[in-house]
N, C-alpha and C. Protein backbone atom coordinates (compact mmCIF):
# COMPACT_ATOMS: atom_id res chain seq x y z
N UNK A 1 -115.95 -160.88 70.96
CA UNK A 1 -115.52 -161.87 72.17
C UNK A 1 -114.48 -160.87 73.09
N UNK A 2 -114.15 -160.73 74.07
CA UNK A 2 -113.55 -160.41 74.87
C UNK A 2 -111.93 -160.82 74.49
N UNK A 3 -110.93 -159.79 74.78
CA UNK A 3 -109.70 -160.19 74.89
C UNK A 3 -109.39 -160.42 76.26
N UNK A 4 -108.03 -161.31 76.08
CA UNK A 4 -107.27 -161.43 77.70
C UNK A 4 -106.54 -160.23 78.68
N UNK A 5 -106.48 -159.47 77.86
CA UNK A 5 -106.11 -158.02 78.40
C UNK A 5 -107.55 -157.34 78.84
N UNK A 6 -108.27 -157.57 78.39
CA UNK A 6 -109.71 -156.86 78.87
C UNK A 6 -110.15 -157.26 80.11
N UNK A 7 -110.12 -158.74 80.21
CA UNK A 7 -110.20 -159.12 81.63
C UNK A 7 -108.97 -159.15 82.60
N UNK A 8 -107.63 -159.12 82.29
CA UNK A 8 -106.76 -158.56 82.87
C UNK A 8 -106.95 -157.27 83.48
N UNK A 9 -107.23 -156.16 82.84
CA UNK A 9 -108.16 -154.62 83.31
C UNK A 9 -108.37 -154.99 84.44
N UNK A 10 -110.23 -155.75 84.24
CA UNK A 10 -110.52 -155.66 85.17
C UNK A 10 -110.05 -156.02 86.70
N UNK A 11 -109.55 -157.41 86.19
CA UNK A 11 -108.89 -157.67 87.78
C UNK A 11 -107.87 -156.66 88.44
N UNK A 12 -107.39 -156.19 87.42
CA UNK A 12 -106.24 -155.14 87.79
C UNK A 12 -106.91 -154.04 88.18
N UNK A 13 -108.14 -153.78 87.83
CA UNK A 13 -108.88 -152.37 88.35
C UNK A 13 -110.02 -152.59 90.05
N UNK A 14 -109.62 -154.18 89.97
CA UNK A 14 -111.19 -154.39 90.75
C UNK A 14 -110.42 -155.04 92.04
N UNK A 15 -108.69 -155.37 91.47
CA UNK A 15 -107.51 -155.94 92.44
C UNK A 15 -108.66 -157.46 93.19
N UNK A 16 -109.52 -157.82 92.37
CA UNK A 16 -109.98 -159.69 92.40
C UNK A 16 -109.92 -160.09 90.76
N UNK A 17 -109.83 -161.56 91.21
CA UNK A 17 -109.68 -162.50 89.86
C UNK A 17 -111.45 -163.19 90.02
N UNK A 18 -112.41 -163.35 89.61
CA UNK A 18 -113.37 -164.26 89.64
C UNK A 18 -113.18 -165.57 89.33
N UNK A 19 -114.02 -166.33 89.80
CA UNK A 19 -113.83 -167.83 89.21
C UNK A 19 -114.33 -167.39 88.03
N UNK A 20 -115.35 -167.09 87.22
CA UNK A 20 -115.74 -166.75 86.17
C UNK A 20 -114.46 -166.52 84.91
N UNK A 21 -113.72 -165.30 86.18
CA UNK A 21 -113.11 -164.92 84.53
C UNK A 21 -111.74 -165.73 84.65
N UNK A 22 -110.76 -166.28 85.79
CA UNK A 22 -109.95 -167.40 85.37
C UNK A 22 -110.16 -168.23 84.50
N UNK A 23 -111.35 -169.12 84.51
CA UNK A 23 -111.95 -170.10 83.18
C UNK A 23 -111.63 -169.52 81.88
N UNK A 24 -112.68 -168.55 81.69
CA UNK A 24 -112.33 -167.85 80.45
C UNK A 24 -110.86 -167.36 80.28
N UNK A 25 -109.82 -167.36 81.18
CA UNK A 25 -108.52 -166.67 80.97
C UNK A 25 -108.55 -167.93 80.29
N UNK A 26 -108.00 -169.32 81.61
CA UNK A 26 -107.76 -170.31 80.66
C UNK A 26 -107.99 -170.81 79.22
N UNK A 27 -109.49 -170.96 78.83
CA UNK A 27 -109.73 -170.96 77.91
C UNK A 27 -109.06 -170.30 76.56
N UNK A 28 -109.00 -168.87 76.81
CA UNK A 28 -109.12 -167.91 75.40
C UNK A 28 -106.96 -168.19 75.69
N UNK A 29 -106.35 -168.75 76.50
CA UNK A 29 -104.86 -169.26 76.46
C UNK A 29 -104.36 -170.19 75.79
N UNK A 30 -105.80 -171.01 75.54
CA UNK A 30 -105.48 -172.14 75.03
C UNK A 30 -105.95 -171.91 73.09
N UNK A 31 -106.18 -171.29 72.75
CA UNK A 31 -106.26 -170.72 71.13
C UNK A 31 -105.17 -169.38 71.35
N UNK A 32 -104.83 -169.08 69.69
CA UNK A 32 -104.38 -168.11 69.59
C UNK A 32 -104.03 -166.46 70.32
N UNK A 33 -103.42 -165.82 70.71
CA UNK A 33 -103.27 -164.67 71.30
C UNK A 33 -102.36 -163.96 70.98
N UNK A 34 -102.32 -162.40 70.80
CA UNK A 34 -101.42 -161.43 70.48
C UNK A 34 -100.44 -160.81 71.35
N UNK A 35 -99.04 -160.66 71.57
CA UNK A 35 -98.08 -159.71 72.09
C UNK A 35 -98.68 -159.53 73.21
N UNK A 36 -99.20 -158.48 73.02
CA UNK A 36 -100.30 -157.84 73.90
C UNK A 36 -101.16 -158.28 75.01
N UNK A 37 -101.91 -159.02 75.05
CA UNK A 37 -102.49 -160.06 75.40
C UNK A 37 -101.54 -161.09 76.40
N UNK A 38 -100.51 -161.64 75.84
CA UNK A 38 -99.25 -162.35 76.96
C UNK A 38 -99.17 -161.03 77.67
N UNK A 39 -98.99 -159.86 77.53
CA UNK A 39 -97.82 -159.60 78.14
C UNK A 39 -99.46 -159.23 79.11
N UNK A 40 -100.22 -158.56 79.33
CA UNK A 40 -101.08 -158.43 79.89
C UNK A 40 -101.27 -159.59 81.09
N UNK A 41 -101.62 -161.01 80.63
CA UNK A 41 -101.39 -162.09 81.58
C UNK A 41 -100.32 -162.11 82.22
N UNK A 42 -99.29 -161.81 81.83
CA UNK A 42 -97.63 -162.00 82.56
C UNK A 42 -98.43 -160.80 84.00
N UNK A 43 -98.45 -159.73 83.49
CA UNK A 43 -98.92 -158.38 84.63
C UNK A 43 -99.98 -159.02 85.93
N UNK A 44 -100.67 -160.13 85.36
CA UNK A 44 -101.84 -160.03 85.95
C UNK A 44 -101.02 -161.26 86.64
N UNK A 45 -100.41 -162.12 86.13
CA UNK A 45 -99.82 -163.09 87.20
C UNK A 45 -98.91 -162.94 88.14
N UNK A 46 -97.73 -161.43 87.75
CA UNK A 46 -97.40 -160.53 88.63
C UNK A 46 -98.36 -159.99 89.95
N UNK A 47 -99.36 -159.36 89.54
CA UNK A 47 -99.78 -159.12 90.60
C UNK A 47 -100.46 -159.69 91.44
N UNK A 48 -100.99 -161.17 91.27
CA UNK A 48 -101.50 -162.22 91.86
C UNK A 48 -100.05 -162.37 92.90
N UNK A 49 -98.87 -162.61 92.44
CA UNK A 49 -97.67 -163.41 93.03
C UNK A 49 -97.58 -162.41 94.21
N UNK A 50 -98.09 -161.05 93.58
CA UNK A 50 -97.34 -159.47 94.94
C UNK A 50 -98.79 -159.63 95.75
N UNK A 51 -99.74 -159.98 95.54
CA UNK A 51 -101.41 -159.77 96.58
C UNK A 51 -101.88 -158.91 96.07
N UNK A 52 -101.42 -157.85 94.95
CA UNK A 52 -102.50 -156.50 94.44
C UNK A 52 -103.49 -157.32 94.18
N UNK A 53 -103.57 -158.40 93.06
CA UNK A 53 -104.97 -159.31 92.69
C UNK A 53 -104.98 -160.02 93.56
N UNK A 54 -107.00 -160.50 94.59
CA UNK A 54 -106.61 -162.25 95.31
C UNK A 54 -107.64 -162.43 94.37
N UNK A 55 -107.45 -163.93 94.36
CA UNK A 55 -107.89 -164.90 93.58
C UNK A 55 -109.38 -165.88 94.16
N UNK A 56 -110.48 -165.53 93.64
CA UNK A 56 -111.44 -165.82 94.15
C UNK A 56 -111.08 -168.04 94.45
N UNK A 57 -110.57 -168.04 93.28
CA UNK A 57 -109.79 -170.04 93.48
C UNK A 57 -109.26 -170.52 94.61
N UNK A 58 -108.47 -169.07 95.20
CA UNK A 58 -107.10 -169.97 95.76
C UNK A 58 -108.30 -169.39 97.09
N UNK A 59 -109.10 -168.44 97.07
CA UNK A 59 -109.95 -168.31 98.53
C UNK A 59 -110.98 -169.39 98.72
N UNK A 60 -111.50 -169.95 97.94
CA UNK A 60 -112.35 -171.38 98.19
C UNK A 60 -111.38 -172.19 98.74
N UNK A 61 -110.62 -172.45 98.17
CA UNK A 61 -109.36 -173.38 98.40
C UNK A 61 -109.22 -173.73 99.70
N UNK A 62 -108.68 -172.04 99.98
CA UNK A 62 -107.88 -172.00 101.68
C UNK A 62 -108.84 -172.09 102.21
N UNK A 63 -110.64 -171.73 102.15
CA UNK A 63 -111.95 -172.03 103.15
C UNK A 63 -112.32 -173.12 102.93
N UNK A 64 -112.30 -174.26 102.22
CA UNK A 64 -112.14 -175.37 102.07
C UNK A 64 -111.35 -176.10 102.85
N UNK A 65 -109.68 -175.79 102.98
CA UNK A 65 -108.86 -176.39 103.72
C UNK A 65 -109.27 -176.00 105.49
N UNK A 66 -109.94 -174.54 105.64
CA UNK A 66 -110.14 -174.83 107.21
C UNK A 66 -111.07 -175.54 107.77
N UNK A 67 -111.88 -175.92 107.00
CA UNK A 67 -113.11 -176.37 107.39
C UNK A 67 -113.43 -177.96 107.58
N UNK A 68 -112.09 -178.39 107.41
CA UNK A 68 -112.02 -179.55 107.39
C UNK A 68 -111.33 -179.74 108.66
């Protein structure tokens, strides 16, 4: 099973968090995880707030609002 930090690493490397990866993260965060995974997730949150990582879910939402 993938760890949270592995998904975060991929998102940070590509600059993009897919919808699939976001869903996996949500499910993984419902279970026990270690401090290293928590720190990785916090880093991902900061990267998305700073615009370093784009989120597919937010792009889909923005596109749907523009079509209305």
